[in-house]
PDB file of N, CA and C in Angstrom:
ATOM      1  N   MET A   1     -23.377   4.285 -11.850  1.00  0.00           N
ATOM      2  CA  MET A   1     -22.456   3.322 -11.434  1.00  0.00           C
ATOM      3  C   MET A   1     -23.348   2.272 -10.644  1.00  0.00           C
ATOM      4  N   PRO A   2     -23.219   1.390 -10.333  1.00  0.00           N
ATOM      5  CA  PRO A   2     -23.875   0.193  -9.590  1.00  0.00           C
ATOM      6  C   PRO A   2     -23.617   0.345  -8.187  1.00  0.00           C
ATOM      7  N   HIS A   3     -24.102  -0.409  -7.176  1.00  0.00           N
ATOM      8  CA  HIS A   3     -23.864  -0.720  -6.082  1.00  0.00           C
ATOM      9  C   HIS A   3     -22.974  -2.188  -5.975  1.00  0.00           C
ATOM     10  N   VAL A   4     -22.310  -2.208  -4.451  1.00  0.00           N
ATOM     11  CA  VAL A   4     -21.241  -3.078  -4.536  1.00  0.00           C
ATOM     12  C   VAL A   4     -21.460  -3.626  -3.163  1.00  0.00           C
ATOM     13  N   VAL A   5     -21.392  -4.971  -2.875  1.00  0.00           N
ATOM     14  CA  VAL A   5     -21.476  -5.775  -1.515  1.00  0.00           C
ATOM     15  C   VAL A   5     -20.021  -5.699  -1.311  1.00  0.00           C
ATOM     16  N   THR A   6     -19.820  -5.327   0.096  1.00  0.00           N
ATOM     17  CA  THR A   6     -18.352  -5.304   0.602  1.00  0.00           C
ATOM     18  C   THR A   6     -18.318  -6.669   1.649  1.00  0.00           C
ATOM     19  N   ASP A   7     -17.003  -6.730   2.217  1.00  0.00           N
ATOM     20  CA  ASP A   7     -16.811  -7.656   3.137  1.00  0.00           C
ATOM     21  C   ASP A   7     -17.752  -7.672   4.465  1.00  0.00           C
ATOM     22  N   ASN A   8     -18.338  -6.759   5.005  1.00  0.00           N
ATOM     23  CA  ASN A   8     -19.258  -6.429   6.076  1.00  0.00           C
ATOM     24  C   ASN A   8     -20.345  -7.731   6.108  1.00  0.00           C
ATOM     25  N   CYS A   9     -20.493  -8.227   4.843  1.00  0.00           N
ATOM     26  CA  CYS A   9     -21.724  -9.160   4.381  1.00  0.00           C
ATOM     27  C   CYS A   9     -21.099 -10.741   4.823  1.00  0.00           C
ATOM     28  N   SER A  10     -19.710 -10.766   4.867  1.00  0.00           N
ATOM     29  CA  SER A  10     -19.533 -12.271   5.102  1.00  0.00           C
ATOM     30  C   SER A  10     -19.669 -12.608   6.536  1.00  0.00           C
ATOM     31  N   ARG A  11     -20.051 -13.851   6.605  1.00  0.00           N
ATOM     32  CA  ARG A  11     -20.460 -14.416   7.905  1.00  0.00           C
ATOM     33  C   ARG A  11     -21.900 -13.830   8.293  1.00  0.00           C
ATOM     34  N   CYS A  12     -22.638 -13.100   7.380  1.00  0.00           N
ATOM     35  CA  CYS A  12     -23.595 -12.560   7.952  1.00  0.00           C
ATOM     36  C   CYS A  12     -24.856 -13.103   7.042  1.00  0.00           C
ATOM     37  N   ARG A  13     -24.831 -12.414   5.829  1.00  0.00           N
ATOM     38  CA  ARG A  13     -25.893 -12.987   4.720  1.00  0.00           C
ATOM     39  C   ARG A  13     -27.092 -12.574   5.132  1.00  0.00           C
ATOM     40  N   PHE A  14     -27.373 -11.261   5.793  1.00  0.00           N
ATOM     41  CA  PHE A  14     -28.481 -10.936   5.727  1.00  0.00           C
ATOM     42  C   PHE A  14     -29.199 -10.509   4.633  1.00  0.00           C
ATOM     43  N   THR A  15     -30.471 -10.890   4.504  1.00  0.00           N
ATOM     44  CA  THR A  15     -30.678 -10.647   3.113  1.00  0.00           C
ATOM     45  C   THR A  15     -32.160  -9.665   3.139  1.00  0.00           C
ATOM     46  N   ASP A  16     -32.175  -8.757   4.006  1.00  0.00           N
ATOM     47  CA  ASP A  16     -33.081  -7.897   4.261  1.00  0.00           C
ATOM     48  C   ASP A  16     -32.926  -6.906   2.624  1.00  0.00           C
ATOM     49  N   CYS A  17     -31.749  -6.488   2.164  1.00  0.00           N
ATOM     50  CA  CYS A  17     -31.631  -5.793   0.926  1.00  0.00           C
ATOM     51  C   CYS A  17     -32.415  -6.242  -0.135  1.00  0.00           C
ATOM     52  N   VAL A  18     -32.426  -7.858  -0.323  1.00  0.00           N
ATOM     53  CA  VAL A  18     -32.925  -8.301  -1.704  1.00  0.00           C
ATOM     54  C   VAL A  18     -34.475  -7.950  -1.830  1.00  0.00           C
ATOM     55  N   THR A  19     -35.186  -7.658  -0.641  1.00  0.00           N
ATOM     56  CA  THR A  19     -36.479  -7.315  -0.569  1.00  0.00           C
ATOM     57  C   THR A  19     -36.706  -6.095  -1.186  1.00  0.00           C
ATOM     58  N   HIS A  20     -35.792  -5.287  -0.989  1.00  0.00           N
ATOM     59  CA  HIS A  20     -35.813  -3.880  -1.350  1.00  0.00           C
ATOM     60  C   HIS A  20     -35.425  -3.463  -2.997  1.00  0.00           C
ATOM     61  N   CYS A  21     -34.854  -4.699  -3.670  1.00  0.00           N
ATOM     62  CA  CYS A  21     -34.218  -4.573  -5.063  1.00  0.00           C
ATOM     63  C   CYS A  21     -35.174  -4.535  -5.816  1.00  0.00           C
ATOM     64  N   PRO A  22     -35.811  -3.901  -6.766  1.00  0.00           N
ATOM     65  CA  PRO A  22     -36.822  -3.658  -7.845  1.00  0.00           C
ATOM     66  C   PRO A  22     -36.238  -4.960  -9.094  1.00  0.00           C
ATOM     67  N   VAL A  23     -35.127  -5.059  -9.154  1.00  0.00           N
ATOM     68  CA  VAL A  23     -34.535  -5.752 -10.460  1.00  0.00           C
ATOM     69  C   VAL A  23     -34.097  -7.323 -10.028  1.00  0.00           C
ATOM     70  N   ALA A  24     -34.108  -7.563  -8.890  1.00  0.00           N
ATOM     71  CA  ALA A  24     -33.652  -8.751  -8.402  1.00  0.00           C
ATOM     72  C   ALA A  24     -31.952  -8.934  -8.915  1.00  0.00           C
ATOM     73  N   CYS A  25     -30.977  -7.938  -8.535  1.00  0.00           N
ATOM     74  CA  CYS A  25     -29.698  -8.119  -8.997  1.00  0.00           C
ATOM     75  C   CYS A  25     -28.570  -8.734  -7.998  1.00  0.00           C
ATOM     76  N   PHE A  26     -29.221  -9.327  -6.783  1.00  0.00           N
ATOM     77  CA  PHE A  26     -28.792  -9.831  -5.934  1.00  0.00           C
ATOM     78  C   PHE A  26     -28.387 -11.319  -5.939  1.00  0.00           C
ATOM     79  N   HIS A  27     -27.011 -11.993  -5.995  1.00  0.00           N
ATOM     80  CA  HIS A  27     -26.708 -13.298  -6.264  1.00  0.00           C
ATOM     81  C   HIS A  27     -26.047 -13.702  -5.017  1.00  0.00           C
ATOM     82  N   GLY A  28     -26.140 -15.099  -4.498  1.00  0.00           N
ATOM     83  CA  GLY A  28     -25.651 -15.327  -3.369  1.00  0.00           C
ATOM     84  C   GLY A  28     -24.910 -16.798  -3.231  1.00  0.00           C
ATOM     85  N   ASP A  29     -23.968 -17.098  -2.218  1.00  0.00           N
ATOM     86  CA  ASP A  29     -23.567 -18.182  -1.866  1.00  0.00           C
ATOM     87  C   ASP A  29     -23.738 -18.569  -0.397  1.00  0.00           C
ATOM     88  N   GLU A  30     -23.001 -19.534  -0.010  1.00  0.00           N
ATOM     89  CA  GLU A  30     -23.556 -19.789   1.466  1.00  0.00           C
ATOM     90  C   GLU A  30     -22.715 -19.078   2.401  1.00  0.00           C
ATOM     91  N   GLU A  31     -21.702 -17.951   1.926  1.00  0.00           N
ATOM     92  CA  GLU A  31     -21.451 -17.212   3.196  1.00  0.00           C
ATOM     93  C   GLU A  31     -22.024 -15.765   2.864  1.00  0.00           C
ATOM     94  N   ARG A  32     -22.037 -15.208   1.795  1.00  0.00           N
ATOM     95  CA  ARG A  32     -22.518 -13.717   1.480  1.00  0.00           C
ATOM     96  C   ARG A  32     -23.419 -13.448   0.257  1.00  0.00           C
ATOM     97  N   LEU A  33     -23.674 -12.248  -0.197  1.00  0.00           N
ATOM     98  CA  LEU A  33     -24.301 -11.784  -1.058  1.00  0.00           C
ATOM     99  C   LEU A  33     -23.444 -11.034  -1.968  1.00  0.00           C
ATOM    100  N   TYR A  34     -23.872 -11.123  -3.371  1.00  0.00           N
ATOM    101  CA  TYR A  34     -23.110 -10.177  -4.224  1.00  0.00           C
ATOM    102  C   TYR A  34     -24.224  -9.376  -5.139  1.00  0.00           C
ATOM    103  N   ILE A  35     -23.595  -8.152  -5.729  1.00  0.00           N
ATOM    104  CA  ILE A  35     -24.726  -7.305  -6.730  1.00  0.00           C
ATOM    105  C   ILE A  35     -24.114  -7.370  -8.192  1.00  0.00           C
ATOM    106  N   ASP A  36     -25.153  -7.974  -9.051  1.00  0.00           N
ATOM    107  CA  ASP A  36     -24.635  -8.000 -10.416  1.00  0.00           C
ATOM    108  C   ASP A  36     -24.649  -6.692 -10.881  1.00  0.00           C
ATOM    109  N   PRO A  37     -23.318  -6.238 -11.262  1.00  0.00           N
ATOM    110  CA  PRO A  37     -23.360  -4.526 -11.772  1.00  0.00           C
ATOM    111  C   PRO A  37     -24.195  -4.323 -13.122  1.00  0.00           C
ATOM    112  N   ASP A  38     -24.405  -5.362 -13.832  1.00  0.00           N
ATOM    113  CA  ASP A  38     -24.989  -5.161 -15.041  1.00  0.00           C
ATOM    114  C   ASP A  38     -26.830  -5.142 -14.829  1.00  0.00           C
ATOM    115  N   GLY A  39     -26.870  -5.995 -13.989  1.00  0.00           N
ATOM    116  CA  GLY A  39     -28.442  -5.657 -13.485  1.00  0.00           C
ATOM    117  C   GLY A  39     -28.873  -4.505 -12.705  1.00  0.00           C
ATOM    118  N   CYS A  40     -27.834  -4.027 -11.604  1.00  0.00           N
ATOM    119  CA  CYS A  40     -28.346  -2.944 -10.722  1.00  0.00           C
ATOM    120  C   CYS A  40     -28.717  -1.667 -11.518  1.00  0.00           C
ATOM    121  N   ILE A  41     -29.601  -1.072 -11.219  1.00  0.00           N
ATOM    122  CA  ILE A  41     -30.241  -0.156 -11.929  1.00  0.00           C
ATOM    123  C   ILE A  41     -29.834   1.370 -10.928  1.00  0.00           C
ATOM    124  N   ASP A  42     -29.023   1.116  -9.990  1.00  0.00           N
ATOM    125  CA  ASP A  42     -28.427   2.438  -9.175  1.00  0.00           C
ATOM    126  C   ASP A  42     -29.445   3.023  -8.509  1.00  0.00           C
ATOM    127  N   CYS A  43     -30.432   2.242  -7.869  1.00  0.00           N
ATOM    128  CA  CYS A  43     -31.468   3.098  -7.268  1.00  0.00           C
ATOM    129  C   CYS A  43     -31.265   3.334  -5.668  1.00  0.00           C
ATOM    130  N   GLY A  44     -30.533   2.258  -5.174  1.00  0.00           N
ATOM    131  CA  GLY A  44     -29.947   2.773  -3.707  1.00  0.00           C
ATOM    132  C   GLY A  44     -30.857   2.255  -2.855  1.00  0.00           C
ATOM    133  N   ALA A  45     -32.067   1.454  -3.165  1.00  0.00           N
ATOM    134  CA  ALA A  45     -33.036   1.061  -2.080  1.00  0.00           C
ATOM    135  C   ALA A  45     -32.275   0.068  -1.135  1.00  0.00           C
ATOM    136  N   CYS A  46     -31.458  -0.465  -1.671  1.00  0.00           N
ATOM    137  CA  CYS A  46     -30.725  -1.485  -0.628  1.00  0.00           C
ATOM    138  C   CYS A  46     -29.874  -1.055   0.453  1.00  0.00           C
ATOM    139  N   ILE A  47     -29.378   0.129   0.278  1.00  0.00           N
ATOM    140  CA  ILE A  47     -28.329   0.633   1.267  1.00  0.00           C
ATOM    141  C   ILE A  47     -28.923   0.602   2.566  1.00  0.00           C
ATOM    142  N   ASP A  48     -29.893   1.076   2.960  1.00  0.00           N
ATOM    143  CA  ASP A  48     -30.201   1.476   4.214  1.00  0.00           C
ATOM    144  C   ASP A  48     -30.942   0.136   4.680  1.00  0.00           C
ATOM    145  N   ALA A  49     -31.402  -0.928   3.792  1.00  0.00           N
ATOM    146  CA  ALA A  49     -31.902  -1.960   4.383  1.00  0.00           C
ATOM    147  C   ALA A  49     -30.744  -3.009   5.001  1.00  0.00           C
ATOM    148  N   CYS A  50     -29.487  -2.823   4.711  1.00  0.00           N
ATOM    149  CA  CYS A  50     -28.455  -3.736   5.341  1.00  0.00           C
ATOM    150  C   CYS A  50     -28.138  -3.247   6.630  1.00  0.00           C
ATOM    151  N   PRO A  51     -28.495  -4.313   7.525  1.00  0.00           N
ATOM    152  CA  PRO A  51     -28.137  -3.916   9.022  1.00  0.00           C
ATOM    153  C   PRO A  51     -26.513  -4.006   9.094  1.00  0.00           C
ATOM    154  N   VAL A  52     -25.665  -4.360   8.406  1.00  0.00           N
ATOM    155  CA  VAL A  52     -24.235  -4.192   8.666  1.00  0.00           C
ATOM    156  C   VAL A  52     -23.589  -3.174   7.990  1.00  0.00           C
ATOM    157  N   HIS A  53     -24.151  -2.659   7.333  1.00  0.00           N
ATOM    158  CA  HIS A  53     -23.732  -1.420   6.074  1.00  0.00           C
ATOM    159  C   HIS A  53     -22.598  -2.022   5.246  1.00  0.00           C
ATOM    160  N   ALA A  54     -22.937  -3.135   4.495  1.00  0.00           N
ATOM    161  CA  ALA A  54     -22.077  -3.733   3.462  1.00  0.00           C
ATOM    162  C   ALA A  54     -22.312  -3.286   2.239  1.00  0.00           C
ATOM    163  N   ILE A  55     -23.344  -2.542   1.688  1.00  0.00           N
ATOM    164  CA  ILE A  55     -23.791  -2.119   0.306  1.00  0.00           C
ATOM    165  C   ILE A  55     -23.299  -0.673   0.268  1.00  0.00           C
ATOM    166  N   TYR A  56     -22.509  -0.516  -0.892  1.00  0.00           N
ATOM    167  CA  TYR A  56     -22.055   1.017  -0.942  1.00  0.00           C
ATOM    168  C   TYR A  56     -22.376   1.379  -2.431  1.00  0.00           C
ATOM    169  N   ASP A  57     -22.473   2.505  -2.807  1.00  0.00           N
ATOM    170  CA  ASP A  57     -22.614   2.883  -4.180  1.00  0.00           C
ATOM    171  C   ASP A  57     -21.075   3.065  -4.648  1.00  0.00           C
ATOM    172  N   VAL A  58     -20.719   2.447  -5.885  1.00  0.00           N
ATOM    173  CA  VAL A  58     -19.637   2.533  -6.274  1.00  0.00           C
ATOM    174  C   VAL A  58     -18.865   3.782  -6.188  1.00  0.00           C
ATOM    175  N   MET A  59     -19.432   4.982  -6.451  1.00  0.00           N
ATOM    176  CA  MET A  59     -18.968   6.235  -6.094  1.00  0.00           C
ATOM    177  C   MET A  59     -18.473   6.667  -4.775  1.00  0.00           C
ATOM    178  N   ASP A  60     -19.384   5.918  -3.877  1.00  0.00           N
ATOM    179  CA  ASP A  60     -18.706   6.228  -2.233  1.00  0.00           C
ATOM    180  C   ASP A  60     -17.885   5.182  -1.612  1.00  0.00           C
ATOM    181  N   LEU A  61     -17.476   4.277  -2.446  1.00  0.00           N
ATOM    182  CA  LEU A  61     -16.869   3.275  -2.102  1.00  0.00           C
ATOM    183  C   LEU A  61     -15.138   3.444  -1.510  1.00  0.00           C
ATOM    184  N   PRO A  62     -14.988   3.137  -0.097  1.00  0.00           N
ATOM    185  CA  PRO A  62     -13.795   3.572   0.408  1.00  0.00           C
ATOM    186  C   PRO A  62     -12.691   2.808  -0.496  1.00  0.00           C
ATOM    187  N   ASP A  63     -11.365   3.606  -1.046  1.00  0.00           N
ATOM    188  CA  ASP A  63     -10.387   3.078  -1.915  1.00  0.00           C
ATOM    189  C   ASP A  63      -9.987   1.639  -1.283  1.00  0.00           C
ATOM    190  N   GLU A  64      -9.933   1.170  -0.157  1.00  0.00           N
ATOM    191  CA  GLU A  64      -9.436  -0.024   0.479  1.00  0.00           C
ATOM    192  C   GLU A  64     -10.521  -1.197   0.040  1.00  0.00           C
ATOM    193  N   MET A  65     -11.697  -0.711  -0.256  1.00  0.00           N
ATOM    194  CA  MET A  65     -12.821  -1.758  -0.679  1.00  0.00           C
ATOM    195  C   MET A  65     -13.055  -1.755  -2.212  1.00  0.00           C
ATOM    196  N   ALA A  66     -12.220  -1.286  -2.878  1.00  0.00           N
ATOM    197  CA  ALA A  66     -12.256  -1.066  -4.490  1.00  0.00           C
ATOM    198  C   ALA A  66     -12.247  -2.717  -4.818  1.00  0.00           C
ATOM    199  N   PRO A  67     -11.369  -3.568  -4.598  1.00  0.00           N
ATOM    200  CA  PRO A  67     -11.468  -4.913  -5.015  1.00  0.00           C
ATOM    201  C   PRO A  67     -12.629  -5.896  -5.107  1.00  0.00           C
ATOM    202  N   TRP A  68     -13.594  -5.093  -4.114  1.00  0.00           N
ATOM    203  CA  TRP A  68     -15.363  -5.823  -4.073  1.00  0.00           C
ATOM    204  C   TRP A  68     -15.866  -5.533  -5.335  1.00  0.00           C
ATOM    205  N   ILE A  69     -15.288  -4.439  -5.978  1.00  0.00           N
ATOM    206  CA  ILE A  69     -16.238  -4.302  -7.197  1.00  0.00           C
ATOM    207  C   ILE A  69     -15.963  -5.532  -8.189  1.00  0.00           C
ATOM    208  N   ALA A  70     -14.738  -5.882  -8.365  1.00  0.00           N
ATOM    209  CA  ALA A  70     -14.284  -6.928  -9.458  1.00  0.00           C
ATOM    210  C   ALA A  70     -15.030  -8.143  -8.821  1.00  0.00           C
ATOM    211  N   ILE A  71     -14.973  -8.411  -7.384  1.00  0.00           N
ATOM    212  CA  ILE A  71     -15.594  -9.649  -6.966  1.00  0.00           C
ATOM    213  C   ILE A  71     -16.975  -9.974  -7.022  1.00  0.00           C
ATOM    214  N   ASN A  72     -17.832  -8.616  -6.900  1.00  0.00           N
ATOM    215  CA  ASN A  72     -19.014  -8.966  -7.082  1.00  0.00           C
ATOM    216  C   ASN A  72     -19.514  -8.968  -8.468  1.00  0.00           C
ATOM    217  N   ALA A  73     -18.541  -8.543  -9.496  1.00  0.00           N
ATOM    218  CA  ALA A  73     -18.843  -8.636 -10.872  1.00  0.00           C
ATOM    219  C   ALA A  73     -18.762 -10.035 -11.229  1.00  0.00           C
ATOM    220  N   SER A  74     -17.426 -10.658 -10.606  1.00  0.00           N
ATOM    221  CA  SER A  74     -17.257 -12.266 -11.263  1.00  0.00           C
ATOM    222  C   SER A  74     -18.204 -13.054 -10.488  1.00  0.00           C
ATOM    223  N   ARG A  75     -18.365 -12.882  -9.377  1.00  0.00           N
ATOM    224  CA  ARG A  75     -19.136 -13.864  -8.564  1.00  0.00           C
ATOM    225  C   ARG A  75     -20.658 -13.622  -8.983  1.00  0.00           C
ATOM    226  N   SER A  76     -21.247 -12.798  -8.910  1.00  0.00           N
ATOM    227  CA  SER A  76     -22.681 -12.658  -9.580  1.00  0.00           C
ATOM    228  C   SER A  76     -22.978 -13.402 -10.537  1.00  0.00           C
ATOM    229  N   VAL A  77     -22.139 -13.573 -11.439  1.00  0.00           N
ATOM    230  CA  VAL A  77     -22.549 -14.331 -12.948  1.00  0.00           C
ATOM    231  C   VAL A  77     -22.586 -15.956 -12.663  1.00  0.00           C
ATOM    232  N   GLU A  78     -21.753 -16.216 -11.680  1.00  0.00           N
ATOM    233  CA  GLU A  78     -21.556 -17.828 -11.340  1.00  0.00           C
ATOM    234  C   GLU A  78     -22.512 -18.276 -10.103  1.00  0.00           C
ATOM    235  N   LEU A  79     -23.222 -17.200  -9.758  1.00  0.00           N
ATOM    236  CA  LEU A  79     -24.215 -17.546  -8.329  1.00  0.00           C
ATOM    237  C   LEU A  79     -25.785 -17.222  -8.750  1.00  0.00           C
ATOM    238  N   PRO A  80     -26.621 -18.220  -8.063  1.00  0.00           N
ATOM    239  CA  PRO A  80     -28.107 -18.078  -8.147  1.00  0.00           C
ATOM    240  C   PRO A  80     -28.608 -16.507  -7.753  1.00  0.00           C
ATOM    241  N   VAL A  81     -29.579 -16.024  -8.281  1.00  0.00           N
ATOM    242  CA  VAL A  81     -30.302 -15.095  -7.830  1.00  0.00           C
ATOM    243  C   VAL A  81     -30.947 -15.196  -6.697  1.00  0.00           C
ATOM    244  N   VAL A  82     -31.010 -14.416  -5.717  1.00  0.00           N
ATOM    245  CA  VAL A  82     -31.284 -14.225  -4.192  1.00  0.00           C
ATOM    246  C   VAL A  82     -32.431 -13.293  -4.516  1.00  0.00           C
ATOM    247  N   ARG A  83     -33.763 -13.576  -4.311  1.00  0.00           N
ATOM    248  CA  ARG A  83     -35.194 -12.970  -4.299  1.00  0.00           C
ATOM    249  C   ARG A  83     -35.784 -12.654  -3.196  1.00  0.00           C
ATOM    250  N   ASN A  84     -35.831 -13.542  -2.387  1.00  0.00           N
ATOM    251  CA  ASN A  84     -36.649 -13.546  -1.133  1.00  0.00           C
ATOM    252  C   ASN A  84     -35.555 -13.453   0.096  1.00  0.00           C
ATOM    253  N   ARG A  85     -36.348 -12.859   1.265  1.00  0.00           N
ATOM    254  CA  ARG A  85     -35.610 -12.681   2.475  1.00  0.00           C
ATOM    255  C   ARG A  85     -35.439 -14.226   3.032  1.00  0.00           C
ATOM    256  N   GLU A  86     -34.212 -14.642   3.395  1.00  0.00           N
ATOM    257  CA  GLU A  86     -33.819 -15.803   4.185  1.00  0.00           C
ATOM    258  C   GLU A  86     -33.454 -15.854   5.575  1.00  0.00           C
ATOM    259  N   ALA A  87     -32.984 -16.825   6.186  1.00  0.00           N
ATOM    260  CA  ALA A  87     -32.658 -16.482   7.680  1.00  0.00           C
ATOM    261  C   ALA A  87     -31.268 -16.086   7.437  1.00  0.00           C
ATOM    262  N   PRO A  88     -30.754 -15.321   8.201  1.00  0.00           N
ATOM    263  CA  PRO A  88     -29.196 -14.746   8.347  1.00  0.00           C
ATOM    264  C   PRO A  88     -28.319 -16.394   8.547  1.00  0.00           C
ATOM    265  N   LEU A  89     -27.045 -16.116   8.530  1.00  0.00           N
ATOM    266  CA  LEU A  89     -26.064 -17.108   9.043  1.00  0.00           C
ATOM    267  C   LEU A  89     -26.178 -17.266  10.522  1.00  0.00           C
ATOM    268  N   PRO A  90     -26.050 -18.231  11.010  1.00  0.00           N
ATOM    269  CA  PRO A  90     -25.717 -18.749  12.575  1.00  0.00           C
ATOM    270  C   PRO A  90     -24.783 -17.574  13.225  1.00  0.00           C
ATOM    271  N   THR A  91     -23.901 -17.321  12.285  1.00  0.00           N
ATOM    272  CA  THR A  91     -22.551 -16.440  12.833  1.00  0.00           C
ATOM    273  C   THR A  91     -22.975 -14.912  12.466  1.00  0.00           C
ATOM    274  N   ALA A  92     -24.353 -14.496  12.249  1.00  0.00           N
ATOM    275  CA  ALA A  92     -24.802 -13.352  12.027  1.00  0.00           C
ATOM    276  C   ALA A  92     -24.842 -12.152  13.080  1.00  0.00           C
ATOM    277  N   ALA A  93     -25.555 -12.671  14.202  1.00  0.00           N
ATOM    278  CA  ALA A  93     -25.421 -12.028  15.158  1.00  0.00           C
ATOM    279  C   ALA A  93     -24.227 -11.521  15.787  1.00  0.00           C
ATOM    280  N   ALA A  94     -23.348 -12.514  15.941  1.00  0.00           N
ATOM    281  CA  ALA A  94     -21.895 -12.036  16.485  1.00  0.00           C
ATOM    282  C   ALA A  94     -21.149 -11.172  15.440  1.00  0.00           C
ATOM    283  N   ARG A  95     -21.148 -11.506  14.071  1.00  0.00           N
ATOM    284  CA  ARG A  95     -20.450 -10.446  13.138  1.00  0.00           C
ATOM    285  C   ARG A  95     -21.206  -9.117  13.090  1.00  0.00           C
ATOM    286  N   ARG A  96     -22.457  -8.984  13.373  1.00  0.00           N
ATOM    287  CA  ARG A  96     -23.074  -7.771  13.436  1.00  0.00           C
ATOM    288  C   ARG A  96     -22.625  -7.120  14.756  1.00  0.00           C
ATOM    289  N   VAL A  97     -22.348  -7.708  16.006  1.00  0.00           N
ATOM    290  CA  VAL A  97     -21.705  -6.680  17.019  1.00  0.00           C
ATOM    291  C   VAL A  97     -20.013  -6.647  16.775  1.00  0.00           C
ATOM    292  N   GLU A  98     -19.435  -7.532  16.178  1.00  0.00           N
ATOM    293  CA  GLU A  98     -17.898  -7.381  15.552  1.00  0.00           C
ATOM    294  C   GLU A  98     -17.726  -6.057  14.940  1.00  0.00           C
ATOM    295  N   LEU A  99     -18.731  -5.827  14.285  1.00  0.00           N
ATOM    296  CA  LEU A  99     -18.844  -4.752  13.169  1.00  0.00           C
ATOM    297  C   LEU A  99     -19.267  -3.380  13.814  1.00  0.00           C
ATOM    298  N   GLY A 100     -19.725  -3.635  15.144  1.00  0.00           N
ATOM    299  CA  GLY A 100     -20.138  -2.396  15.734  1.00  0.00           C
ATOM    300  C   GLY A 100     -21.588  -1.960  15.343  1.00  0.00           C
ATOM    301  N   PHE A 101     -22.437  -2.902  14.969  1.00  0.00           N
ATOM    302  CA  PHE A 101     -23.892  -2.389  14.535  1.00  0.00           C
ATOM    303  C   PHE A 101     -24.997  -3.306  15.465  1.00  0.00           C
TER     304      PHE A 101
END
């Protein structure tokens, strides 16, 4: 099963995870990242790289976050691949504190 980016990524868009992905399966819009489930090889390298714990293995995804599976699948095909680390959003530091990280 692939990995999924959850709502913790919203208003952050930390891209540390993309530098650990061997298959470039991350896609992004102006607010967050998404994982292409067809491209993800389930290596898990991205999980620990995320400073706001936004990435889960689908098997470990809490039930209330299940809608993010379909959101990642649909949004990833519409958006460009993000391959390189970029500056996080200006709201990222406050969002990280809000999330308790």
